[in-house]
PDB file of N, CA and C in Angstrom:
ATOM      1  N   UNK A   1     128.146 119.301  84.235  1.00  0.00           N
ATOM      2  CA  UNK A   1     127.513 118.473  85.238  1.00  0.00           C
ATOM      3  C   UNK A   1     127.542 119.233  86.562  1.00  0.00           C
ATOM      4  N   UNK A   2     126.383 119.375  87.166  1.00  0.00           N
ATOM      5  CA  UNK A   2     126.282 120.071  88.448  1.00  0.00           C
ATOM      6  C   UNK A   2     126.028 119.065  89.567  1.00  0.00           C
ATOM      7  N   UNK A   3     126.236 119.504  90.809  1.00  0.00           N
ATOM      8  CA  UNK A   3     125.966 118.638  91.953  1.00  0.00           C
ATOM      9  C   UNK A   3     124.476 118.317  92.028  1.00  0.00           C
ATOM     10  N   UNK A   4     123.626 119.284  91.662  1.00  0.00           N
ATOM     11  CA  UNK A   4     122.181 119.051  91.661  1.00  0.00           C
ATOM     12  C   UNK A   4     121.814 117.950  90.672  1.00  0.00           C
ATOM     13  N   UNK A   5     122.416 117.979  89.480  1.00  0.00           N
ATOM     14  CA  UNK A   5     122.170 116.938  88.473  1.00  0.00           C
ATOM     15  C   UNK A   5     122.599 115.579  89.014  1.00  0.00           C
ATOM     16  N   UNK A   6     123.757 115.556  89.677  1.00  0.00           N
ATOM     17  CA  UNK A   6     124.267 114.314  90.256  1.00  0.00           C
ATOM     18  C   UNK A   6     123.301 113.775  91.306  1.00  0.00           C
ATOM     19  N   UNK A   7     122.796 114.644  92.171  1.00  0.00           N
ATOM     20  CA  UNK A   7     121.851 114.208  93.201  1.00  0.00           C
ATOM     21  C   UNK A   7     120.560 113.684  92.585  1.00  0.00           C
ATOM     22  N   UNK A   8     120.095 114.293  91.490  1.00  0.00           N
ATOM     23  CA  UNK A   8     118.905 113.794  90.790  1.00  0.00           C
ATOM     24  C   UNK A   8     119.138 112.393  90.247  1.00  0.00           C
ATOM     25  N   UNK A   9     120.295 112.185  89.627  1.00  0.00           N
ATOM     26  CA  UNK A   9     120.637 110.861  89.103  1.00  0.00           C
ATOM     27  C   UNK A   9     120.677 109.841  90.234  1.00  0.00           C
ATOM     28  N   UNK A  10     121.292 110.201  91.339  1.00  0.00           N
ATOM     29  CA  UNK A  10     121.412 109.282  92.470  1.00  0.00           C
ATOM     30  C   UNK A  10     120.070 108.997  93.128  1.00  0.00           C
ATOM     31  N   UNK A  11     119.123 109.914  93.015  1.00  0.00           N
ATOM     32  CA  UNK A  11     117.806 109.708  93.617  1.00  0.00           C
ATOM     33  C   UNK A  11     117.077 108.537  92.972  1.00  0.00           C
ATOM     34  N   UNK A  12     117.330 108.299  91.694  1.00  0.00           N
ATOM     35  CA  UNK A  12     116.640 107.214  90.993  1.00  0.00           C
ATOM     36  C   UNK A  12     117.510 105.972  90.814  1.00  0.00           C
ATOM     37  N   UNK A  13     118.788 106.076  91.101  1.00  0.00           N
ATOM     38  CA  UNK A  13     119.706 104.950  90.890  1.00  0.00           C
ATOM     39  C   UNK A  13     119.588 103.937  92.020  1.00  0.00           C
ATOM     40  N   UNK A  14     119.647 102.676  91.679  1.00  0.00           N
ATOM     41  CA  UNK A  14     119.658 101.613  92.681  1.00  0.00           C
ATOM     42  C   UNK A  14     120.862 100.693  92.491  1.00  0.00           C
ATOM     43  N   UNK A  15     121.320 100.583  91.261  1.00  0.00           N
ATOM     44  CA  UNK A  15     122.439  99.693  90.956  1.00  0.00           C
ATOM     45  C   UNK A  15     123.679 100.514  90.623  1.00  0.00           C
ATOM     46  N   UNK A  16     124.811 100.025  91.077  1.00  0.00           N
ATOM     47  CA  UNK A  16     126.066 100.714  90.804  1.00  0.00           C
ATOM     48  C   UNK A  16     127.190  99.690  90.728  1.00  0.00           C
ATOM     49  N   UNK A  17     128.309 100.135  90.222  1.00  0.00           N
ATOM     50  CA  UNK A  17     129.528  99.336  90.174  1.00  0.00           C
ATOM     51  C   UNK A  17     130.557 100.050  91.028  1.00  0.00           C
ATOM     52  N   UNK A  18     131.120  99.335  91.985  1.00  0.00           N
ATOM     53  CA  UNK A  18     132.101  99.895  92.906  1.00  0.00           C
ATOM     54  C   UNK A  18     133.484  99.400  92.517  1.00  0.00           C
ATOM     55  N   UNK A  19     134.387 100.330  92.259  1.00  0.00           N
ATOM     56  CA  UNK A  19     135.777  99.988  91.952  1.00  0.00           C
ATOM     57  C   UNK A  19     136.628 100.300  93.175  1.00  0.00           C
ATOM     58  N   UNK A  20     137.398  99.305  93.612  1.00  0.00           N
ATOM     59  CA  UNK A  20     138.294  99.459  94.753  1.00  0.00           C
ATOM     60  C   UNK A  20     139.687  99.006  94.336  1.00  0.00           C
ATOM     61  N   UNK A  21     140.646  99.175  95.240  1.00  0.00           N
ATOM     62  CA  UNK A  21     142.039  98.832  94.956  1.00  0.00           C
ATOM     63  C   UNK A  21     142.464  97.686  95.866  1.00  0.00           C
ATOM     64  N   UNK A  22     142.932  96.597  95.259  1.00  0.00           N
ATOM     65  CA  UNK A  22     143.433  95.465  96.046  1.00  0.00           C
ATOM     66  C   UNK A  22     144.761  95.832  96.709  1.00  0.00           C
ATOM     67  N   UNK A  23     145.164  95.063  97.685  1.00  0.00           N
ATOM     68  CA  UNK A  23     146.411  95.326  98.409  1.00  0.00           C
ATOM     69  C   UNK A  23     147.617  95.339  97.477  1.00  0.00           C
ATOM     70  N   UNK A  24     147.564  94.540  96.393  1.00  0.00           N
ATOM     71  CA  UNK A  24     148.691  94.506  95.454  1.00  0.00           C
ATOM     72  C   UNK A  24     148.572  95.565  94.358  1.00  0.00           C
ATOM     73  N   UNK A  25     147.556  96.445  94.463  1.00  0.00           N
ATOM     74  CA  UNK A  25     147.404  97.541  93.518  1.00  0.00           C
ATOM     75  C   UNK A  25     146.470  97.276  92.350  1.00  0.00           C
ATOM     76  N   UNK A  26     146.040  96.019  92.184  1.00  0.00           N
ATOM     77  CA  UNK A  26     145.126  95.709  91.079  1.00  0.00           C
ATOM     78  C   UNK A  26     143.733  96.235  91.386  1.00  0.00           C
ATOM     79  N   UNK A  27     142.991  96.640  90.355  1.00  0.00           N
ATOM     80  CA  UNK A  27     141.620  97.094  90.583  1.00  0.00           C
ATOM     81  C   UNK A  27     140.672  95.924  90.791  1.00  0.00           C
ATOM     82  N   UNK A  28     139.600  96.179  91.496  1.00  0.00           N
ATOM     83  CA  UNK A  28     138.530  95.198  91.682  1.00  0.00           C
ATOM     84  C   UNK A  28     137.215  95.941  91.506  1.00  0.00           C
ATOM     85  N   UNK A  29     136.340  95.425  90.646  1.00  0.00           N
ATOM     86  CA  UNK A  29     135.048  96.063  90.381  1.00  0.00           C
ATOM     87  C   UNK A  29     133.943  95.068  90.700  1.00  0.00           C
ATOM     88  N   UNK A  30     132.933  95.530  91.431  1.00  0.00           N
ATOM     89  CA  UNK A  30     131.833  94.655  91.831  1.00  0.00           C
ATOM     90  C   UNK A  30     130.515  95.428  91.791  1.00  0.00           C
ATOM     91  N   UNK A  31     129.434  94.747  91.395  1.00  0.00           N
ATOM     92  CA  UNK A  31     128.123  95.398  91.419  1.00  0.00           C
ATOM     93  C   UNK A  31     127.585  95.455  92.845  1.00  0.00           C
ATOM     94  N   UNK A  32     126.781  96.464  93.112  1.00  0.00           N
ATOM     95  CA  UNK A  32     126.119  96.544  94.409  1.00  0.00           C
ATOM     96  C   UNK A  32     124.895  97.436  94.318  1.00  0.00           C
ATOM     97  N   UNK A  33     124.056  97.356  95.339  1.00  0.00           N
ATOM     98  CA  UNK A  33     122.892  98.225  95.448  1.00  0.00           C
ATOM     99  C   UNK A  33     123.280  99.433  96.281  1.00  0.00           C
ATOM    100  N   UNK A  34     122.760 100.583  95.903  1.00  0.00           N
ATOM    101  CA  UNK A  34     123.045 101.810  96.643  1.00  0.00           C
ATOM    102  C   UNK A  34     121.734 102.472  97.060  1.00  0.00           C
ATOM    103  N   UNK A  35     121.836 103.305  98.082  1.00  0.00           N
ATOM    104  CA  UNK A  35     120.706 104.099  98.551  1.00  0.00           C
ATOM    105  C   UNK A  35     121.221 105.512  98.780  1.00  0.00           C
ATOM    106  N   UNK A  36     120.483 106.492  98.285  1.00  0.00           N
ATOM    107  CA  UNK A  36     120.838 107.889  98.539  1.00  0.00           C
ATOM    108  C   UNK A  36     120.007 108.396  99.703  1.00  0.00           C
ATOM    109  N   UNK A  37     120.665 108.986 100.687  1.00  0.00           N
ATOM    110  CA  UNK A  37     120.008 109.636 101.818  1.00  0.00           C
ATOM    111  C   UNK A  37     120.562 111.057 101.878  1.00  0.00           C
ATOM    112  N   UNK A  38     119.700 112.028 101.598  1.00  0.00           N
ATOM    113  CA  UNK A  38     120.117 113.433 101.499  1.00  0.00           C
ATOM    114  C   UNK A  38     121.231 113.535 100.456  1.00  0.00           C
ATOM    115  N   UNK A  39     122.404 114.011 100.839  1.00  0.00           N
ATOM    116  CA  UNK A  39     123.502 114.159  99.881  1.00  0.00           C
ATOM    117  C   UNK A  39     124.541 113.050 100.032  1.00  0.00           C
ATOM    118  N   UNK A  40     124.172 111.952 100.688  1.00  0.00           N
ATOM    119  CA  UNK A  40     125.102 110.838 100.904  1.00  0.00           C
ATOM    120  C   UNK A  40     124.649 109.601 100.143  1.00  0.00           C
ATOM    121  N   UNK A  41     125.615 108.786  99.756  1.00  0.00           N
ATOM    122  CA  UNK A  41     125.350 107.500  99.119  1.00  0.00           C
ATOM    123  C   UNK A  41     125.738 106.420 100.116  1.00  0.00           C
ATOM    124  N   UNK A  42     124.829 105.468 100.341  1.00  0.00           N
ATOM    125  CA  UNK A  42     125.074 104.385 101.290  1.00  0.00           C
ATOM    126  C   UNK A  42     125.057 103.044 100.581  1.00  0.00           C
ATOM    127  N   UNK A  43     125.943 102.163 101.025  1.00  0.00           N
ATOM    128  CA  UNK A  43     125.910 100.765 100.607  1.00  0.00           C
ATOM    129  C   UNK A  43     126.460  99.945 101.756  1.00  0.00           C
ATOM    130  N   UNK A  44     126.205  98.669 101.702  1.00  0.00           N
ATOM    131  CA  UNK A  44     126.655  97.778 102.762  1.00  0.00           C
ATOM    132  C   UNK A  44     127.452  96.642 102.145  1.00  0.00           C
ATOM    133  N   UNK A  45     128.549  96.291 102.794  1.00  0.00           N
ATOM    134  CA  UNK A  45     129.330  95.136 102.362  1.00  0.00           C
ATOM    135  C   UNK A  45     130.092  94.586 103.562  1.00  0.00           C
ATOM    136  N   UNK A  46     130.095  93.282 103.741  1.00  0.00           N
ATOM    137  CA  UNK A  46     130.864  92.703 104.846  1.00  0.00           C
ATOM    138  C   UNK A  46     132.368  92.888 104.627  1.00  0.00           C
ATOM    139  N   UNK A  47     133.113  93.009 105.706  1.00  0.00           N
ATOM    140  CA  UNK A  47     134.572  93.117 105.609  1.00  0.00           C
ATOM    141  C   UNK A  47     135.168  91.840 105.025  1.00  0.00           C
ATOM    142  N   UNK A  48     134.444  90.737 105.109  1.00  0.00           N
ATOM    143  CA  UNK A  48     134.960  89.458 104.604  1.00  0.00           C
ATOM    144  C   UNK A  48     134.943  89.375 103.076  1.00  0.00           C
ATOM    145  N   UNK A  49     134.274  90.320 102.391  1.00  0.00           N
ATOM    146  CA  UNK A  49     134.254  90.299 100.929  1.00  0.00           C
ATOM    147  C   UNK A  49     135.511  90.968 100.383  1.00  0.00           C
ATOM    148  N   UNK A  50     135.785  90.727  99.120  1.00  0.00           N
ATOM    149  CA  UNK A  50     136.950  91.361  98.496  1.00  0.00           C
ATOM    150  C   UNK A  50     136.841  92.874  98.573  1.00  0.00           C
ATOM    151  N   UNK A  51     135.682  93.421  98.223  1.00  0.00           N
ATOM    152  CA  UNK A  51     135.544  94.884  98.270  1.00  0.00           C
ATOM    153  C   UNK A  51     135.646  95.400  99.703  1.00  0.00           C
ATOM    154  N   UNK A  52     135.135  94.656 100.672  1.00  0.00           N
ATOM    155  CA  UNK A  52     135.251  95.052 102.070  1.00  0.00           C
ATOM    156  C   UNK A  52     136.697  95.076 102.542  1.00  0.00           C
ATOM    157  N   UNK A  53     137.445  94.034 102.202  1.00  0.00           N
ATOM    158  CA  UNK A  53     138.875  93.993 102.565  1.00  0.00           C
ATOM    159  C   UNK A  53     139.631  95.121 101.876  1.00  0.00           C
ATOM    160  N   UNK A  54     139.310  95.351 100.593  1.00  0.00           N
ATOM    161  CA  UNK A  54     139.988  96.418  99.857  1.00  0.00           C
ATOM    162  C   UNK A  54     139.743  97.777 100.510  1.00  0.00           C
ATOM    163  N   UNK A  55     138.490  98.063 100.875  1.00  0.00           N
ATOM    164  CA  UNK A  55     138.168  99.351 101.486  1.00  0.00           C
ATOM    165  C   UNK A  55     138.788  99.495 102.871  1.00  0.00           C
ATOM    166  N   UNK A  56     138.897  98.393 103.592  1.00  0.00           N
ATOM    167  CA  UNK A  56     139.538  98.449 104.903  1.00  0.00           C
ATOM    168  C   UNK A  56     141.022  98.783 104.754  1.00  0.00           C
ATOM    169  N   UNK A  57     141.658  98.244 103.713  1.00  0.00           N
ATOM    170  CA  UNK A  57     143.083  98.459 103.470  1.00  0.00           C
ATOM    171  C   UNK A  57     143.353  99.817 102.822  1.00  0.00           C
ATOM    172  N   UNK A  58     142.480 100.227 101.899  1.00  0.00           N
ATOM    173  CA  UNK A  58     142.688 101.450 101.115  1.00  0.00           C
ATOM    174  C   UNK A  58     141.312 102.039 100.809  1.00  0.00           C
ATOM    175  N   UNK A  59     141.002 103.177 101.352  1.00  0.00           N
ATOM    176  CA  UNK A  59     139.674 103.766 101.234  1.00  0.00           C
ATOM    177  C   UNK A  59     139.335 104.376  99.887  1.00  0.00           C
ATOM    178  N   UNK A  60     140.271 104.340  98.941  1.00  0.00           N
ATOM    179  CA  UNK A  60     139.968 104.924  97.628  1.00  0.00           C
ATOM    180  C   UNK A  60     138.949 104.068  96.892  1.00  0.00           C
ATOM    181  N   UNK A  61     138.020 104.749  96.204  1.00  0.00           N
ATOM    182  CA  UNK A  61     137.012 104.029  95.432  1.00  0.00           C
ATOM    183  C   UNK A  61     136.498 104.910  94.310  1.00  0.00           C
ATOM    184  N   UNK A  62     135.860 104.270  93.353  1.00  0.00           N
ATOM    185  CA  UNK A  62     135.115 104.961  92.302  1.00  0.00           C
ATOM    186  C   UNK A  62     133.776 104.261  92.191  1.00  0.00           C
ATOM    187  N   UNK A  63     132.736 105.037  91.924  1.00  0.00           N
ATOM    188  CA  UNK A  63     131.395 104.485  91.830  1.00  0.00           C
ATOM    189  C   UNK A  63     130.811 104.849  90.472  1.00  0.00           C
ATOM    190  N   UNK A  64     130.361 103.836  89.739  1.00  0.00           N
ATOM    191  CA  UNK A  64     129.697 104.044  88.450  1.00  0.00           C
ATOM    192  C   UNK A  64     128.228 103.708  88.645  1.00  0.00           C
ATOM    193  N   UNK A  65     127.364 104.682  88.400  1.00  0.00           N
ATOM    194  CA  UNK A  65     125.930 104.481  88.556  1.00  0.00           C
ATOM    195  C   UNK A  65     125.333 104.142  87.202  1.00  0.00           C
ATOM    196  N   UNK A  66     124.550 103.063  87.166  1.00  0.00           N
ATOM    197  CA  UNK A  66     123.870 102.692  85.930  1.00  0.00           C
ATOM    198  C   UNK A  66     122.743 103.675  85.670  1.00  0.00           C
ATOM    199  N   UNK A  67     122.595 104.050  84.408  1.00  0.00           N
ATOM    200  CA  UNK A  67     121.457 104.880  84.022  1.00  0.00           C
ATOM    201  C   UNK A  67     121.026 104.472  82.625  1.00  0.00           C
ATOM    202  N   UNK A  68     119.768 104.576  82.357  1.00  0.00           N
ATOM    203  CA  UNK A  68     119.256 104.165  81.062  1.00  0.00           C
ATOM    204  C   UNK A  68     118.936 102.685  81.048  1.00  0.00           C
ATOM    205  N   UNK A  69     118.373 102.242  79.942  1.00  0.00           N
ATOM    206  CA  UNK A  69     117.970 100.845  79.816  1.00  0.00           C
ATOM    207  C   UNK A  69     118.998  99.974  79.120  1.00  0.00           C
ATOM    208  N   UNK A  70     119.878 100.567  78.344  1.00  0.00           N
ATOM    209  CA  UNK A  70     120.852  99.800  77.574  1.00  0.00           C
ATOM    210  C   UNK A  70     122.232  99.997  78.177  1.00  0.00           C
ATOM    211  N   UNK A  71     122.572  99.127  79.108  1.00  0.00           N
ATOM    212  CA  UNK A  71     123.842  99.246  79.810  1.00  0.00           C
ATOM    213  C   UNK A  71     124.735  98.086  79.422  1.00  0.00           C
ATOM    214  N   UNK A  72     125.964  98.379  79.055  1.00  0.00           N
ATOM    215  CA  UNK A  72     126.952  97.345  78.758  1.00  0.00           C
ATOM    216  C   UNK A  72     128.198  97.656  79.559  1.00  0.00           C
ATOM    217  N   UNK A  73     128.654  96.690  80.316  1.00  0.00           N
ATOM    218  CA  UNK A  73     129.860  96.872  81.126  1.00  0.00           C
ATOM    219  C   UNK A  73     130.938  95.967  80.565  1.00  0.00           C
TER     220      UNK A  73
END
C-alpha cells in the first residue's frame, strides 16, 4: 500500500468510521462523512458529542474508510 494509493481511495470516499478513546479507556466508534482536501482528511464534529469529547481528552484516533458496495461492520 502506497501513500498515492491511499490518496486515491480517499478521493472517492465519503463515509468513514472514526474510532476514538473514551476517558475510561473504552473504544468508541461512530460513522461520519469525510472530505479530502489535498493530502488532508477533514471532518466536523461538535465537542458536545461523544467523539468530540473523546478527541478533546485524547487525540488518538483510527479511521476506517468504506470502499466497495458490500460493507459489513
